[in-house]
C-alpha atoms as a PDB file:
ATOM      1  CA  MET A   1      -4.693   0.030 -12.257  1.00  0.00           C
ATOM      2  CA  THR A   2      -5.907  -3.244 -10.790  1.00  0.00           C
ATOM      3  CA  ILE A   3      -5.287  -4.718  -7.363  1.00  0.00           C
ATOM      4  CA  HIS A   4      -5.581  -8.449  -6.682  1.00  0.00           C
ATOM      5  CA  ALA A   5      -5.608  -9.782  -3.152  1.00  0.00           C
ATOM      6  CA  LYS A   6      -6.349 -13.127  -1.515  1.00  0.00           C
ATOM      7  CA  LYS A   7      -6.734 -14.009   2.127  1.00  0.00           C
ATOM      8  CA  ASP A   8      -6.013 -17.098   4.220  1.00  0.00           C
ATOM      9  CA  VAL A   9      -8.650 -18.902   6.265  1.00  0.00           C
ATOM     10  CA  ASP A  10      -7.647 -16.750   9.265  1.00  0.00           C
ATOM     11  CA  GLY A  11      -8.393 -13.590   7.245  1.00  0.00           C
ATOM     12  CA  SER A  12      -4.781 -12.486   6.733  1.00  0.00           C
ATOM     13  CA  LEU A  13      -3.602 -11.493   3.260  1.00  0.00           C
ATOM     14  CA  SER A  14      -1.808 -14.316   1.492  1.00  0.00           C
ATOM     15  CA  PHE A  15      -1.409 -12.558  -1.864  1.00  0.00           C
ATOM     16  CA  PHE A  16      -1.319  -8.910  -2.902  1.00  0.00           C
ATOM     17  CA  ALA A  17      -0.361  -7.462  -6.278  1.00  0.00           C
ATOM     18  CA  ILE A  18      -0.866  -4.160  -8.059  1.00  0.00           C
ATOM     19  CA  TYR A  19      -1.089  -4.112 -11.854  1.00  0.00           C
ATOM     20  CA  LYS A  20      -0.717  -1.022 -14.023  1.00  0.00           C
ATOM     21  CA  ASN A  21      -1.171  -1.172 -17.800  1.00  0.00           C
ATOM     22  CA  GLY A  22      -1.382  -4.960 -17.504  1.00  0.00           C
ATOM     23  CA  ASP A  23       2.012  -5.348 -15.818  1.00  0.00           C
ATOM     24  CA  VAL A  24       2.468  -6.393 -12.201  1.00  0.00           C
ATOM     25  CA  LEU A  25       4.402  -3.750 -10.280  1.00  0.00           C
ATOM     26  CA  ASP A  26       7.214  -4.650  -7.911  1.00  0.00           C
ATOM     27  CA  ILE A  27       5.879  -2.726  -4.926  1.00  0.00           C
ATOM     28  CA  PRO A  28       6.817  -3.959  -1.459  1.00  0.00           C
ATOM     29  CA  TYR A  29       3.929  -4.065   0.994  1.00  0.00           C
ATOM     30  CA  THR A  30       3.345  -4.802   4.638  1.00  0.00           C
ATOM     31  CA  THR A  31       0.509  -6.624   6.389  1.00  0.00           C
ATOM     32  CA  ASN A  32      -0.600  -7.118   9.968  1.00  0.00           C
ATOM     33  CA  THR A  33       1.610 -10.210  10.249  1.00  0.00           C
ATOM     34  CA  ASP A  34       4.846  -8.336   9.495  1.00  0.00           C
ATOM     35  CA  GLU A  35       7.026  -7.494  12.469  1.00  0.00           C
ATOM     36  CA  GLN A  36       6.721  -3.810  13.493  1.00  0.00           C
ATOM     37  CA  SER A  37       3.888  -3.258  10.992  1.00  0.00           C
ATOM     38  CA  VAL A  38       1.672  -0.196  11.273  1.00  0.00           C
ATOM     39  CA  VAL A  39      -1.081  -2.213   9.581  1.00  0.00           C
ATOM     40  CA  HIS A  40      -3.413  -3.626  12.221  1.00  0.00           C
ATOM     41  CA  CYS A  41      -6.263  -5.088  10.152  1.00  0.00           C
ATOM     42  CA  THR A  42      -6.064  -8.524   8.580  1.00  0.00           C
ATOM     43  CA  TYR A  43      -7.583  -7.334   5.283  1.00  0.00           C
ATOM     44  CA  LEU A  44      -5.276  -4.339   4.664  1.00  0.00           C
ATOM     45  CA  ALA A  45      -1.913  -3.959   2.959  1.00  0.00           C
ATOM     46  CA  GLY A  46       0.330  -0.944   3.426  1.00  0.00           C
ATOM     47  CA  ILE A  47       2.594   0.600   0.787  1.00  0.00           C
ATOM     48  CA  SER A  48       5.014   3.503   1.091  1.00  0.00           C
ATOM     49  CA  VAL A  49       4.004   7.079   0.354  1.00  0.00           C
ATOM     50  CA  ASP A  50       6.623   7.143  -2.415  1.00  0.00           C
ATOM     51  CA  ASP A  51       5.085   4.119  -4.136  1.00  0.00           C
ATOM     52  CA  PHE A  52       1.554   5.497  -3.713  1.00  0.00           C
ATOM     53  CA  ALA A  53       2.584   8.810  -5.299  1.00  0.00           C
ATOM     54  CA  ASP A  54       4.307   6.986  -8.177  1.00  0.00           C
ATOM     55  CA  LEU A  55       1.184   4.907  -8.832  1.00  0.00           C
ATOM     56  CA  PHE A  56      -0.946   7.994  -9.308  1.00  0.00           C
ATOM     57  CA  ASP A  57       1.740  10.232 -10.855  1.00  0.00           C
ATOM     58  CA  VAL A  58       1.478  12.818  -8.088  1.00  0.00           C
ATOM     59  CA  THR A  59       3.874  14.601  -5.774  1.00  0.00           C
ATOM     60  CA  TYR A  60       3.435  14.860  -2.038  1.00  0.00           C
ATOM     61  CA  GLU A  61       4.315  16.905   0.995  1.00  0.00           C
ATOM     62  CA  ILE A  62       4.518  15.579   4.546  1.00  0.00           C
ATOM     63  CA  ASP A  63       3.522  17.882   7.402  1.00  0.00           C
ATOM     64  CA  GLU A  64       4.658  16.019  10.496  1.00  0.00           C
ATOM     65  CA  ILE A  65       3.376  18.698  12.885  1.00  0.00           C
ATOM     66  CA  ALA A  66      -0.168  18.456  11.486  1.00  0.00           C
ATOM     67  CA  GLY A  67       0.152  14.688  10.957  1.00  0.00           C
ATOM     68  CA  GLU A  68      -0.796  15.025   7.282  1.00  0.00           C
ATOM     69  CA  VAL A  69       0.377  13.875   3.887  1.00  0.00           C
ATOM     70  CA  ARG A  70      -0.820  16.103   1.040  1.00  0.00           C
ATOM     71  CA  PHE A  71      -0.835  14.881  -2.550  1.00  0.00           C
ATOM     72  CA  PHE A  72      -0.642  17.205  -5.572  1.00  0.00           C
ATOM     73  CA  LYS A  73      -1.295  16.593  -9.245  1.00  0.00           C
END
């Protein structure tokens, strides 16, 4: 897996792509400039837990009470 990212002069991400086996994946992402984003840093991109688990071929469990996401191989 390879991740390519570029930033603008203000530090915000202007390009973000994830490649797996040489192919770019169609994974939606969010940045600090997106309305209602949970991403607060200019150099970060957020993807869903589902997409993250798919990338690494793992399953996951969300424990909302503990505030945890656990990944399993």
